[in-house]
Amino acid sequence: MAHEVPPLPYDYAALEPYIDTQTMHLHHDKHHQAYVTNLNAALEKAPDLQKMSAEDLLKGLGNVPEAIRGAVRNNGGGHVNHSMFWKIMAPNAGGDPTGAIADAIKQTFGDFNAFKEKFNDAGLKQFGSGWSWLVRDRGGKLLVMSTPNQDNPMSQDFYPIMGNDVWEHAYYLKYQNRRGDYLKEWWNVVNWAEVNKRFQAGQK
């Protein structure tokens, strides 16, 4: 089965005014589609890998033939990262976290504001393109980290609970070079119900 771009779970304009309609069209329909197209093209050279999920490909990058490993890392990562990204945002969302993730954030970081500051800082200091993440390590501990390009924490044995895209294509039309403003406004669209689902999945 060829990999496919999942449909947006809401309208392109649903995240206004925090993320503009034009950015959502370009980001979902063009950028995400390009990652999927390029991933499928790379996997044509390794038919035995075509039945694997993109997540499993990233977890086992060392088993991917060297000739296509870079393409799978970049484009498989872009596909997995964005598939998560659309779901962890929602209209009429944001605010303080709820449920189990709220307790875990409080326990690990002291309070939500301290966590937000650390998470935003990871995104702000990521040189060039990349992502800021809240991840769980093998021992169950929560950590904030950043990755360059489309690298996914699964390739480093972490489980990604939530991540924010700090590639310029995610924010430049609205925020230009003000990445810090984008990072602050993004919390208005965080879908804590979905983040809680991922948090629980990461405990398994």
N, C-alpha and C. Protein backbone atom coordinates (compact mmCIF):
# COMPACT_ATOMS: atom_id res chain seq x y z
N MET A 1 0.85 -1.20 0.00
CA MET A 1 0.00 0.00 0.00
C MET A 1 0.88 1.25 0.00
N ALA A 2 0.61 2.14 -0.93
CA ALA A 2 1.35 3.41 -0.96
C ALA A 2 0.92 4.27 0.23
N HIS A 3 1.86 5.04 0.75
CA HIS A 3 1.54 5.98 1.83
C HIS A 3 0.70 7.13 1.27
N GLU A 4 -0.20 7.64 2.10
CA GLU A 4 -1.11 8.72 1.65
C GLU A 4 -1.17 9.83 2.68
N VAL A 5 -1.44 11.04 2.19
CA VAL A 5 -1.63 12.19 3.10
C VAL A 5 -3.02 12.07 3.73
N PRO A 6 -3.11 12.06 5.06
CA PRO A 6 -4.44 12.00 5.67
C PRO A 6 -5.18 13.33 5.47
N PRO A 7 -6.50 13.29 5.30
CA PRO A 7 -7.23 14.56 5.16
C PRO A 7 -7.15 15.37 6.45
N LEU A 8 -7.22 16.68 6.31
CA LEU A 8 -7.27 17.54 7.50
C LEU A 8 -8.53 17.21 8.29
N PRO A 9 -8.44 17.14 9.63
CA PRO A 9 -9.65 16.82 10.41
C PRO A 9 -10.57 18.02 10.66
N TYR A 10 -10.30 19.14 9.97
CA TYR A 10 -11.10 20.37 10.12
C TYR A 10 -10.88 21.19 8.86
N ASP A 11 -11.60 22.28 8.73
CA ASP A 11 -11.49 23.13 7.55
C ASP A 11 -10.16 23.88 7.53
N TYR A 12 -9.71 24.23 6.35
CA TYR A 12 -8.43 24.96 6.22
C TYR A 12 -8.43 26.28 7.00
N ALA A 13 -9.60 26.89 7.14
CA ALA A 13 -9.68 28.18 7.84
C ALA A 13 -9.95 28.03 9.34
N ALA A 14 -10.04 26.79 9.80
CA ALA A 14 -10.52 26.54 11.17
C ALA A 14 -9.57 27.05 12.25
N LEU A 15 -8.29 27.20 11.94
CA LEU A 15 -7.31 27.60 12.96
C LEU A 15 -7.02 29.10 12.93
N GLU A 16 -7.75 29.83 12.09
CA GLU A 16 -7.64 31.29 12.10
C GLU A 16 -8.04 31.80 13.48
N PRO A 17 -7.48 32.91 13.96
CA PRO A 17 -6.48 33.77 13.33
C PRO A 17 -5.04 33.31 13.61
N TYR A 18 -4.87 32.21 14.32
CA TYR A 18 -3.53 31.83 14.78
C TYR A 18 -2.69 31.23 13.66
N ILE A 19 -3.33 30.39 12.82
CA ILE A 19 -2.66 29.85 11.63
C ILE A 19 -3.58 30.15 10.45
N ASP A 20 -3.04 30.87 9.48
CA ASP A 20 -3.89 31.38 8.39
C ASP A 20 -4.24 30.30 7.37
N THR A 21 -5.33 30.54 6.67
CA THR A 21 -5.88 29.59 5.70
C THR A 21 -4.88 29.24 4.60
N GLN A 22 -4.20 30.25 4.06
CA GLN A 22 -3.26 30.01 2.95
C GLN A 22 -2.12 29.10 3.40
N THR A 23 -1.62 29.34 4.61
CA THR A 23 -0.55 28.48 5.14
C THR A 23 -1.03 27.04 5.26
N MET A 24 -2.25 26.84 5.74
CA MET A 24 -2.77 25.49 5.91
C MET A 24 -2.89 24.77 4.56
N HIS A 25 -3.35 25.49 3.52
CA HIS A 25 -3.44 24.90 2.18
C HIS A 25 -2.06 24.47 1.69
N LEU A 26 -1.10 25.38 1.77
CA LEU A 26 0.24 25.09 1.27
C LEU A 26 0.92 24.00 2.09
N HIS A 27 0.77 24.09 3.41
CA HIS A 27 1.46 23.18 4.33
C HIS A 27 0.93 21.76 4.16
N HIS A 28 -0.39 21.61 4.14
CA HIS A 28 -0.99 20.29 4.05
C HIS A 28 -0.95 19.74 2.62
N ASP A 29 -1.43 20.53 1.66
CA ASP A 29 -1.62 20.02 0.30
C ASP A 29 -0.32 19.94 -0.51
N LYS A 30 0.62 20.83 -0.22
CA LYS A 30 1.85 20.87 -1.02
C LYS A 30 3.03 20.23 -0.27
N HIS A 31 3.34 20.74 0.92
CA HIS A 31 4.53 20.26 1.64
C HIS A 31 4.34 18.81 2.11
N HIS A 32 3.24 18.53 2.80
CA HIS A 32 3.03 17.15 3.27
C HIS A 32 2.92 16.20 2.08
N GLN A 33 2.22 16.63 1.03
CA GLN A 33 2.09 15.77 -0.14
C GLN A 33 3.45 15.46 -0.76
N ALA A 34 4.35 16.43 -0.77
CA ALA A 34 5.68 16.21 -1.35
C ALA A 34 6.45 15.14 -0.56
N TYR A 35 6.33 15.18 0.78
CA TYR A 35 7.01 14.16 1.59
C TYR A 35 6.48 12.76 1.25
N VAL A 36 5.18 12.65 1.11
CA VAL A 36 4.56 11.35 0.82
C VAL A 36 4.95 10.86 -0.57
N THR A 37 4.90 11.77 -1.54
CA THR A 37 5.29 11.41 -2.92
C THR A 37 6.73 10.91 -2.96
N ASN A 38 7.62 11.63 -2.26
CA ASN A 38 9.04 11.26 -2.27
C ASN A 38 9.31 9.98 -1.47
N LEU A 39 8.55 9.76 -0.40
CA LEU A 39 8.69 8.52 0.36
C LEU A 39 8.30 7.32 -0.50
N ASN A 40 7.16 7.42 -1.17
CA ASN A 40 6.70 6.33 -2.03
C ASN A 40 7.70 6.06 -3.16
N ALA A 41 8.27 7.14 -3.71
CA ALA A 41 9.25 6.98 -4.78
C ALA A 41 10.50 6.25 -4.27
N ALA A 42 10.96 6.62 -3.07
CA ALA A 42 12.14 5.96 -2.48
C ALA A 42 11.88 4.48 -2.25
N LEU A 43 10.68 4.15 -1.78
CA LEU A 43 10.36 2.76 -1.44
C LEU A 43 10.17 1.87 -2.66
N GLU A 44 10.03 2.47 -3.84
CA GLU A 44 9.95 1.66 -5.06
C GLU A 44 11.23 0.82 -5.24
N LYS A 45 12.32 1.33 -4.67
CA LYS A 45 13.61 0.61 -4.78
C LYS A 45 13.75 -0.49 -3.72
N ALA A 46 12.80 -0.56 -2.79
CA ALA A 46 12.86 -1.58 -1.74
C ALA A 46 11.45 -2.13 -1.50
N PRO A 47 10.96 -2.97 -2.42
CA PRO A 47 9.57 -3.45 -2.33
C PRO A 47 9.22 -4.11 -1.01
N ASP A 48 10.21 -4.77 -0.37
CA ASP A 48 9.93 -5.47 0.89
C ASP A 48 9.60 -4.49 2.03
N LEU A 49 9.96 -3.23 1.88
CA LEU A 49 9.66 -2.23 2.92
C LEU A 49 8.31 -1.55 2.71
N GLN A 50 7.70 -1.79 1.56
CA GLN A 50 6.48 -1.05 1.21
C GLN A 50 5.30 -1.38 2.11
N LYS A 51 5.34 -2.56 2.74
CA LYS A 51 4.20 -2.93 3.61
C LYS A 51 4.36 -2.40 5.03
N MET A 52 5.53 -1.82 5.33
CA MET A 52 5.76 -1.30 6.69
C MET A 52 5.14 0.07 6.87
N SER A 53 4.70 0.35 8.10
CA SER A 53 4.21 1.70 8.40
C SER A 53 5.38 2.67 8.39
N ALA A 54 5.09 3.94 8.17
CA ALA A 54 6.15 4.95 8.18
C ALA A 54 6.81 5.02 9.56
N GLU A 55 6.01 4.81 10.61
CA GLU A 55 6.57 4.81 11.98
C GLU A 55 7.59 3.70 12.16
N ASP A 56 7.26 2.51 11.68
CA ASP A 56 8.19 1.38 11.82
C ASP A 56 9.45 1.59 11.00
N LEU A 57 9.32 2.22 9.86
CA LEU A 57 10.50 2.54 9.05
C LEU A 57 11.44 3.46 9.83
N LEU A 58 10.87 4.44 10.51
CA LEU A 58 11.69 5.40 11.25
C LEU A 58 12.32 4.76 12.49
N LYS A 59 11.57 3.88 13.14
CA LYS A 59 12.12 3.19 14.32
C LYS A 59 13.30 2.29 13.93
N GLY A 60 13.25 1.75 12.72
CA GLY A 60 14.30 0.83 12.29
C GLY A 60 15.11 1.37 11.13
N LEU A 61 15.47 2.65 11.19
CA LEU A 61 16.20 3.27 10.07
C LEU A 61 17.48 2.51 9.71
N GLY A 62 18.11 1.90 10.72
CA GLY A 62 19.34 1.16 10.47
C GLY A 62 19.14 -0.03 9.55
N ASN A 63 17.88 -0.51 9.45
CA ASN A 63 17.59 -1.65 8.59
C ASN A 63 17.20 -1.24 7.17
N VAL A 64 17.05 0.07 6.97
CA VAL A 64 16.69 0.58 5.64
C VAL A 64 17.96 0.64 4.79
N PRO A 65 17.93 0.12 3.55
CA PRO A 65 19.13 0.16 2.72
C PRO A 65 19.73 1.56 2.65
N GLU A 66 21.04 1.60 2.71
CA GLU A 66 21.74 2.90 2.78
C GLU A 66 21.39 3.81 1.61
N ALA A 67 21.16 3.22 0.45
CA ALA A 67 20.87 4.02 -0.75
C ALA A 67 19.61 4.87 -0.61
N ILE A 68 18.65 4.41 0.19
CA ILE A 68 17.40 5.18 0.35
C ILE A 68 17.18 5.65 1.78
N ARG A 69 18.15 5.39 2.67
CA ARG A 69 17.95 5.71 4.09
C ARG A 69 17.70 7.20 4.31
N GLY A 70 18.48 8.03 3.64
CA GLY A 70 18.31 9.48 3.80
C GLY A 70 16.94 9.94 3.35
N ALA A 71 16.47 9.41 2.22
CA ALA A 71 15.15 9.78 1.69
C ALA A 71 14.03 9.32 2.63
N VAL A 72 14.19 8.12 3.19
CA VAL A 72 13.18 7.61 4.12
C VAL A 72 13.19 8.41 5.42
N ARG A 73 14.38 8.73 5.90
CA ARG A 73 14.49 9.54 7.12
C ARG A 73 13.83 10.90 6.94
N ASN A 74 14.12 11.57 5.83
CA ASN A 74 13.59 12.92 5.60
C ASN A 74 12.11 12.91 5.25
N ASN A 75 11.73 12.05 4.32
CA ASN A 75 10.35 12.08 3.83
C ASN A 75 9.40 11.26 4.68
N GLY A 76 9.91 10.12 5.21
CA GLY A 76 9.10 9.37 6.18
C GLY A 76 8.89 10.20 7.43
N GLY A 77 9.94 10.88 7.86
CA GLY A 77 9.82 11.78 9.02
C GLY A 77 8.83 12.89 8.74
N GLY A 78 8.92 13.50 7.56
CA GLY A 78 7.98 14.57 7.21
C GLY A 78 6.54 14.09 7.23
N HIS A 79 6.33 12.86 6.74
CA HIS A 79 4.98 12.28 6.71
C HIS A 79 4.45 12.01 8.13
N VAL A 80 5.26 11.36 8.95
CA VAL A 80 4.83 11.01 10.31
C VAL A 80 4.64 12.28 11.16
N ASN A 81 5.59 13.20 11.06
CA ASN A 81 5.52 14.43 11.86
C ASN A 81 4.26 15.22 11.53
N HIS A 82 3.97 15.36 10.24
CA HIS A 82 2.81 16.16 9.85
C HIS A 82 1.49 15.45 10.14
N SER A 83 1.48 14.12 10.00
CA SER A 83 0.25 13.38 10.31
C SER A 83 -0.14 13.59 11.78
N MET A 84 0.88 13.65 12.65
CA MET A 84 0.63 13.98 14.06
C MET A 84 0.20 15.43 14.22
N PHE A 85 0.90 16.32 13.52
CA PHE A 85 0.71 17.78 13.68
C PHE A 85 -0.73 18.20 13.41
N TRP A 86 -1.33 17.71 12.32
CA TRP A 86 -2.71 18.10 12.02
C TRP A 86 -3.66 17.67 13.13
N LYS A 87 -3.40 16.51 13.72
CA LYS A 87 -4.32 15.98 14.74
C LYS A 87 -4.18 16.68 16.08
N ILE A 88 -2.98 17.12 16.43
CA ILE A 88 -2.80 17.73 17.76
C ILE A 88 -3.18 19.21 17.75
N MET A 89 -3.76 19.67 16.64
CA MET A 89 -4.34 21.01 16.60
C MET A 89 -5.84 20.88 16.33
N ALA A 90 -6.58 21.87 16.77
CA ALA A 90 -8.03 21.86 16.55
C ALA A 90 -8.58 23.27 16.73
N PRO A 91 -9.73 23.56 16.09
CA PRO A 91 -10.39 24.84 16.36
C PRO A 91 -10.97 24.84 17.77
N ASN A 92 -11.16 26.01 18.33
CA ASN A 92 -11.72 26.15 19.68
C ASN A 92 -10.98 25.27 20.68
N ALA A 93 -9.67 25.24 20.56
CA ALA A 93 -8.86 24.40 21.45
C ALA A 93 -7.95 25.31 22.29
N GLY A 94 -6.79 24.80 22.63
CA GLY A 94 -5.85 25.59 23.42
C GLY A 94 -6.19 25.61 24.89
N GLY A 95 -5.71 26.65 25.58
CA GLY A 95 -5.91 26.73 27.02
C GLY A 95 -4.97 25.81 27.77
N ASP A 96 -5.23 25.64 29.05
CA ASP A 96 -4.36 24.78 29.87
C ASP A 96 -4.61 23.31 29.55
N PRO A 97 -3.59 22.48 29.71
CA PRO A 97 -3.79 21.04 29.48
C PRO A 97 -4.76 20.44 30.49
N THR A 98 -5.37 19.34 30.10
CA THR A 98 -6.32 18.64 30.98
C THR A 98 -5.91 17.17 31.04
N GLY A 99 -6.49 16.47 31.96
CA GLY A 99 -6.30 15.02 32.03
C GLY A 99 -4.91 14.62 32.48
N ALA A 100 -4.53 13.39 32.08
CA ALA A 100 -3.28 12.79 32.54
C ALA A 100 -2.05 13.59 32.12
N ILE A 101 -2.10 14.19 30.93
CA ILE A 101 -0.94 14.96 30.46
C ILE A 101 -0.72 16.19 31.34
N ALA A 102 -1.80 16.77 31.84
CA ALA A 102 -1.68 17.95 32.72
C ALA A 102 -0.94 17.55 34.01
N ASP A 103 -1.29 16.41 34.56
CA ASP A 103 -0.63 15.93 35.79
C ASP A 103 0.84 15.63 35.53
N ALA A 104 1.12 15.00 34.39
CA ALA A 104 2.50 14.62 34.05
C ALA A 104 3.36 15.87 33.83
N ILE A 105 2.80 16.88 33.17
CA ILE A 105 3.53 18.13 32.94
C ILE A 105 3.84 18.80 34.27
N LYS A 106 2.85 18.84 35.15
CA LYS A 106 3.04 19.47 36.45
C LYS A 106 4.12 18.74 37.26
N GLN A 107 4.06 17.44 37.24
CA GLN A 107 5.01 16.60 37.98
C GLN A 107 6.44 16.78 37.45
N THR A 108 6.57 16.88 36.12
CA THR A 108 7.90 16.92 35.50
C THR A 108 8.49 18.32 35.46
N PHE A 109 7.65 19.31 35.12
CA PHE A 109 8.18 20.65 34.85
C PHE A 109 7.80 21.70 35.91
N GLY A 110 6.99 21.31 36.86
CA GLY A 110 6.58 22.25 37.91
C GLY A 110 5.21 22.84 37.65
N ASP A 111 5.04 23.47 36.48
CA ASP A 111 3.72 23.95 36.07
C ASP A 111 3.69 24.13 34.55
N PHE A 112 2.52 24.42 34.03
CA PHE A 112 2.34 24.50 32.58
C PHE A 112 3.19 25.62 31.98
N ASN A 113 3.24 26.77 32.65
CA ASN A 113 4.01 27.90 32.10
C ASN A 113 5.50 27.57 31.97
N ALA A 114 6.03 26.87 32.96
CA ALA A 114 7.44 26.48 32.91
C ALA A 114 7.68 25.52 31.74
N PHE A 115 6.74 24.59 31.53
CA PHE A 115 6.84 23.66 30.40
C PHE A 115 6.76 24.41 29.07
N LYS A 116 5.78 25.31 28.98
CA LYS A 116 5.59 26.08 27.74
C LYS A 116 6.85 26.86 27.38
N GLU A 117 7.44 27.47 28.39
CA GLU A 117 8.67 28.26 28.18
C GLU A 117 9.80 27.36 27.64
N LYS A 118 9.93 26.20 28.24
CA LYS A 118 10.99 25.25 27.82
C LYS A 118 10.74 24.75 26.40
N PHE A 119 9.49 24.43 26.10
CA PHE A 119 9.10 23.92 24.79
C PHE A 119 9.31 24.99 23.71
N ASN A 120 8.85 26.22 24.00
CA ASN A 120 9.03 27.33 23.05
C ASN A 120 10.51 27.63 22.83
N ASP A 121 11.27 27.55 23.91
CA ASP A 121 12.71 27.83 23.83
C ASP A 121 13.40 26.82 22.91
N ALA A 122 12.99 25.56 23.01
CA ALA A 122 13.56 24.52 22.14
C ALA A 122 13.27 24.83 20.67
N GLY A 123 12.06 25.34 20.41
CA GLY A 123 11.69 25.71 19.04
C GLY A 123 12.42 26.95 18.55
N LEU A 124 12.58 27.90 19.45
CA LEU A 124 13.23 29.17 19.10
C LEU A 124 14.71 28.96 18.81
N LYS A 125 15.34 28.08 19.58
CA LYS A 125 16.79 27.88 19.46
C LYS A 125 17.17 26.83 18.42
N GLN A 126 16.17 26.14 17.85
CA GLN A 126 16.47 25.17 16.79
C GLN A 126 16.96 25.95 15.57
N PHE A 127 18.23 25.79 15.26
CA PHE A 127 18.80 26.54 14.14
C PHE A 127 18.26 26.00 12.83
N GLY A 128 17.80 26.91 11.98
CA GLY A 128 17.24 26.48 10.70
C GLY A 128 15.90 25.78 10.90
N SER A 129 15.65 24.78 10.08
CA SER A 129 14.36 24.09 10.12
C SER A 129 14.38 22.94 11.13
N GLY A 130 13.22 22.64 11.69
CA GLY A 130 13.14 21.52 12.62
C GLY A 130 11.85 21.53 13.42
N TRP A 131 11.88 20.83 14.54
CA TRP A 131 10.70 20.66 15.40
C TRP A 131 11.10 20.78 16.86
N SER A 132 10.17 21.26 17.68
CA SER A 132 10.33 21.13 19.13
C SER A 132 9.34 20.05 19.60
N TRP A 133 9.75 19.28 20.61
CA TRP A 133 9.00 18.07 20.99
C TRP A 133 8.85 17.95 22.51
N LEU A 134 7.73 17.32 22.90
CA LEU A 134 7.60 16.71 24.22
C LEU A 134 7.63 15.20 23.96
N VAL A 135 8.61 14.52 24.55
CA VAL A 135 8.77 13.09 24.31
C VAL A 135 8.82 12.33 25.63
N ARG A 136 8.65 11.02 25.51
CA ARG A 136 8.81 10.11 26.64
C ARG A 136 9.98 9.20 26.33
N ASP A 137 10.88 9.02 27.31
CA ASP A 137 12.00 8.10 27.07
C ASP A 137 11.61 6.68 27.47
N ARG A 138 12.53 5.75 27.29
CA ARG A 138 12.25 4.33 27.57
C ARG A 138 11.83 4.10 29.02
N GLY A 139 12.35 4.93 29.92
CA GLY A 139 12.02 4.77 31.34
C GLY A 139 10.73 5.47 31.74
N GLY A 140 10.07 6.11 30.78
CA GLY A 140 8.80 6.78 31.06
C GLY A 140 8.92 8.26 31.42
N LYS A 141 10.16 8.77 31.42
CA LYS A 141 10.38 10.17 31.80
C LYS A 141 10.03 11.09 30.63
N LEU A 142 9.41 12.25 30.96
CA LEU A 142 9.10 13.25 29.94
C LEU A 142 10.28 14.19 29.75
N LEU A 143 10.56 14.52 28.48
CA LEU A 143 11.66 15.43 28.16
C LEU A 143 11.21 16.36 27.05
N VAL A 144 11.78 17.58 27.04
CA VAL A 144 11.61 18.49 25.91
C VAL A 144 12.89 18.42 25.10
N MET A 145 12.75 18.32 23.78
CA MET A 145 13.92 18.28 22.90
C MET A 145 13.57 18.94 21.58
N SER A 146 14.56 19.14 20.74
CA SER A 146 14.29 19.59 19.37
C SER A 146 15.05 18.67 18.42
N THR A 147 14.57 18.61 17.18
CA THR A 147 15.27 17.83 16.15
C THR A 147 15.39 18.71 14.91
N PRO A 148 16.47 18.52 14.14
CA PRO A 148 16.61 19.26 12.90
C PRO A 148 15.78 18.64 11.78
N ASN A 149 15.49 19.45 10.78
CA ASN A 149 14.84 18.97 9.55
C ASN A 149 13.54 18.23 9.86
N GLN A 150 13.35 17.02 9.30
CA GLN A 150 12.15 16.25 9.62
C GLN A 150 12.49 15.02 10.47
N ASP A 151 13.60 15.07 11.18
CA ASP A 151 13.96 13.94 12.05
C ASP A 151 12.87 13.74 13.10
N ASN A 152 12.53 12.48 13.33
CA ASN A 152 11.50 12.14 14.31
C ASN A 152 12.16 11.50 15.53
N PRO A 153 11.74 11.85 16.74
CA PRO A 153 12.37 11.28 17.94
C PRO A 153 12.34 9.76 18.02
N MET A 154 11.42 9.11 17.30
CA MET A 154 11.37 7.64 17.32
C MET A 154 12.67 7.02 16.84
N SER A 155 13.36 7.73 15.94
CA SER A 155 14.64 7.21 15.43
C SER A 155 15.72 7.23 16.51
N GLN A 156 15.47 8.00 17.59
CA GLN A 156 16.41 8.06 18.71
C GLN A 156 15.86 7.33 19.95
N ASP A 157 14.84 6.49 19.72
CA ASP A 157 14.26 5.68 20.80
C ASP A 157 13.44 6.49 21.81
N PHE A 158 12.88 7.62 21.37
CA PHE A 158 11.93 8.38 22.19
C PHE A 158 10.55 8.26 21.56
N TYR A 159 9.52 8.40 22.40
CA TYR A 159 8.15 8.41 21.87
C TYR A 159 7.65 9.85 21.83
N PRO A 160 7.31 10.38 20.63
CA PRO A 160 6.86 11.77 20.53
C PRO A 160 5.40 11.92 20.97
N ILE A 161 5.18 12.72 22.01
CA ILE A 161 3.82 12.96 22.50
C ILE A 161 3.18 14.15 21.78
N MET A 162 3.97 15.19 21.58
CA MET A 162 3.49 16.34 20.81
C MET A 162 4.70 17.07 20.23
N GLY A 163 4.49 17.75 19.11
CA GLY A 163 5.58 18.48 18.49
C GLY A 163 5.06 19.69 17.75
N ASN A 164 5.88 20.72 17.67
CA ASN A 164 5.52 21.91 16.90
C ASN A 164 6.52 22.09 15.77
N ASP A 165 5.99 22.37 14.60
CA ASP A 165 6.78 22.52 13.38
C ASP A 165 7.37 23.93 13.33
N VAL A 166 8.70 24.04 13.33
CA VAL A 166 9.31 25.37 13.23
C VAL A 166 10.03 25.56 11.89
N TRP A 167 9.65 24.81 10.88
CA TRP A 167 10.08 25.14 9.52
C TRP A 167 9.39 26.46 9.14
N GLU A 168 10.06 27.26 8.34
CA GLU A 168 9.46 28.55 7.97
C GLU A 168 8.14 28.37 7.22
N HIS A 169 7.99 27.27 6.48
CA HIS A 169 6.73 27.09 5.73
C HIS A 169 5.53 26.96 6.67
N ALA A 170 5.78 26.68 7.95
CA ALA A 170 4.68 26.53 8.92
C ALA A 170 4.14 27.87 9.39
N TYR A 171 4.92 28.94 9.23
CA TYR A 171 4.49 30.21 9.85
C TYR A 171 4.83 31.47 9.06
N TYR A 172 5.66 31.38 8.01
CA TYR A 172 6.25 32.60 7.45
C TYR A 172 5.23 33.53 6.80
N LEU A 173 4.19 33.02 6.17
CA LEU A 173 3.21 33.88 5.50
C LEU A 173 2.55 34.84 6.49
N LYS A 174 2.32 34.37 7.70
CA LYS A 174 1.65 35.20 8.71
C LYS A 174 2.63 35.91 9.64
N TYR A 175 3.65 35.21 10.07
CA TYR A 175 4.54 35.74 11.12
C TYR A 175 5.89 36.22 10.59
N GLN A 176 6.16 36.05 9.30
CA GLN A 176 7.47 36.38 8.71
C GLN A 176 8.60 35.78 9.57
N ASN A 177 9.53 36.61 10.01
CA ASN A 177 10.69 36.10 10.75
C ASN A 177 10.42 36.01 12.26
N ARG A 178 9.19 36.23 12.70
CA ARG A 178 8.87 36.27 14.14
C ARG A 178 8.48 34.87 14.63
N ARG A 179 9.44 33.97 14.62
CA ARG A 179 9.17 32.60 15.05
C ARG A 179 8.65 32.57 16.48
N GLY A 180 9.19 33.43 17.34
CA GLY A 180 8.76 33.47 18.75
C GLY A 180 7.27 33.79 18.88
N ASP A 181 6.75 34.68 18.03
CA ASP A 181 5.32 35.03 18.08
C ASP A 181 4.47 33.82 17.66
N TYR A 182 4.92 33.14 16.61
CA TYR A 182 4.22 31.93 16.16
C TYR A 182 4.18 30.88 17.28
N LEU A 183 5.32 30.67 17.93
CA LEU A 183 5.39 29.67 19.00
C LEU A 183 4.41 29.99 20.12
N LYS A 184 4.31 31.28 20.48
CA LYS A 184 3.38 31.68 21.55
C LYS A 184 1.92 31.48 21.13
N GLU A 185 1.60 31.89 19.89
CA GLU A 185 0.20 31.81 19.43
C GLU A 185 -0.24 30.36 19.20
N TRP A 186 0.70 29.48 18.89
CA TRP A 186 0.36 28.10 18.58
C TRP A 186 -0.39 27.41 19.73
N TRP A 187 -0.13 27.81 20.95
CA TRP A 187 -0.80 27.16 22.10
C TRP A 187 -2.31 27.37 22.06
N ASN A 188 -2.79 28.34 21.28
CA ASN A 188 -4.23 28.57 21.16
C ASN A 188 -4.94 27.51 20.33
N VAL A 189 -4.19 26.67 19.64
CA VAL A 189 -4.83 25.64 18.81
C VAL A 189 -4.47 24.22 19.25
N VAL A 190 -3.76 24.07 20.37
CA VAL A 190 -3.35 22.72 20.81
C VAL A 190 -4.57 21.92 21.26
N ASN A 191 -4.69 20.72 20.70
CA ASN A 191 -5.81 19.83 20.99
C ASN A 191 -5.40 18.86 22.10
N TRP A 192 -5.68 19.24 23.34
CA TRP A 192 -5.20 18.45 24.49
C TRP A 192 -5.82 17.06 24.55
N ALA A 193 -7.03 16.90 23.99
CA ALA A 193 -7.66 15.56 23.97
C ALA A 193 -6.80 14.60 23.15
N GLU A 194 -6.31 15.08 22.01
CA GLU A 194 -5.45 14.24 21.15
C GLU A 194 -4.08 14.02 21.79
N VAL A 195 -3.54 15.07 22.43
CA VAL A 195 -2.25 14.93 23.11
C VAL A 195 -2.37 13.87 24.22
N ASN A 196 -3.48 13.87 24.93
CA ASN A 196 -3.71 12.85 25.96
C ASN A 196 -3.76 11.44 25.37
N LYS A 197 -4.37 11.32 24.19
CA LYS A 197 -4.41 10.01 23.51
C LYS A 197 -3.00 9.52 23.22
N ARG A 198 -2.17 10.44 22.71
CA ARG A 198 -0.78 10.08 22.39
C ARG A 198 0.01 9.78 23.65
N PHE A 199 -0.25 10.53 24.70
CA PHE A 199 0.43 10.30 25.97
C PHE A 199 0.12 8.89 26.49
N GLN A 200 -1.15 8.51 26.40
CA GLN A 200 -1.54 7.17 26.86
C GLN A 200 -0.96 6.09 25.96
N ALA A 201 -0.94 6.33 24.64
CA ALA A 201 -0.35 5.36 23.71
C ALA A 201 1.14 5.18 24.00
N GLY A 202 1.80 6.25 24.40
CA GLY A 202 3.23 6.21 24.69
C GLY A 202 3.56 5.45 25.97
N GLN A 203 2.55 5.20 26.81
CA GLN A 203 2.79 4.46 28.06
C GLN A 203 2.82 2.96 27.83
N LYS A 204 2.33 2.54 26.65
CA LYS A 204 2.24 1.10 26.37
C LYS A 204 3.61 0.52 26.06
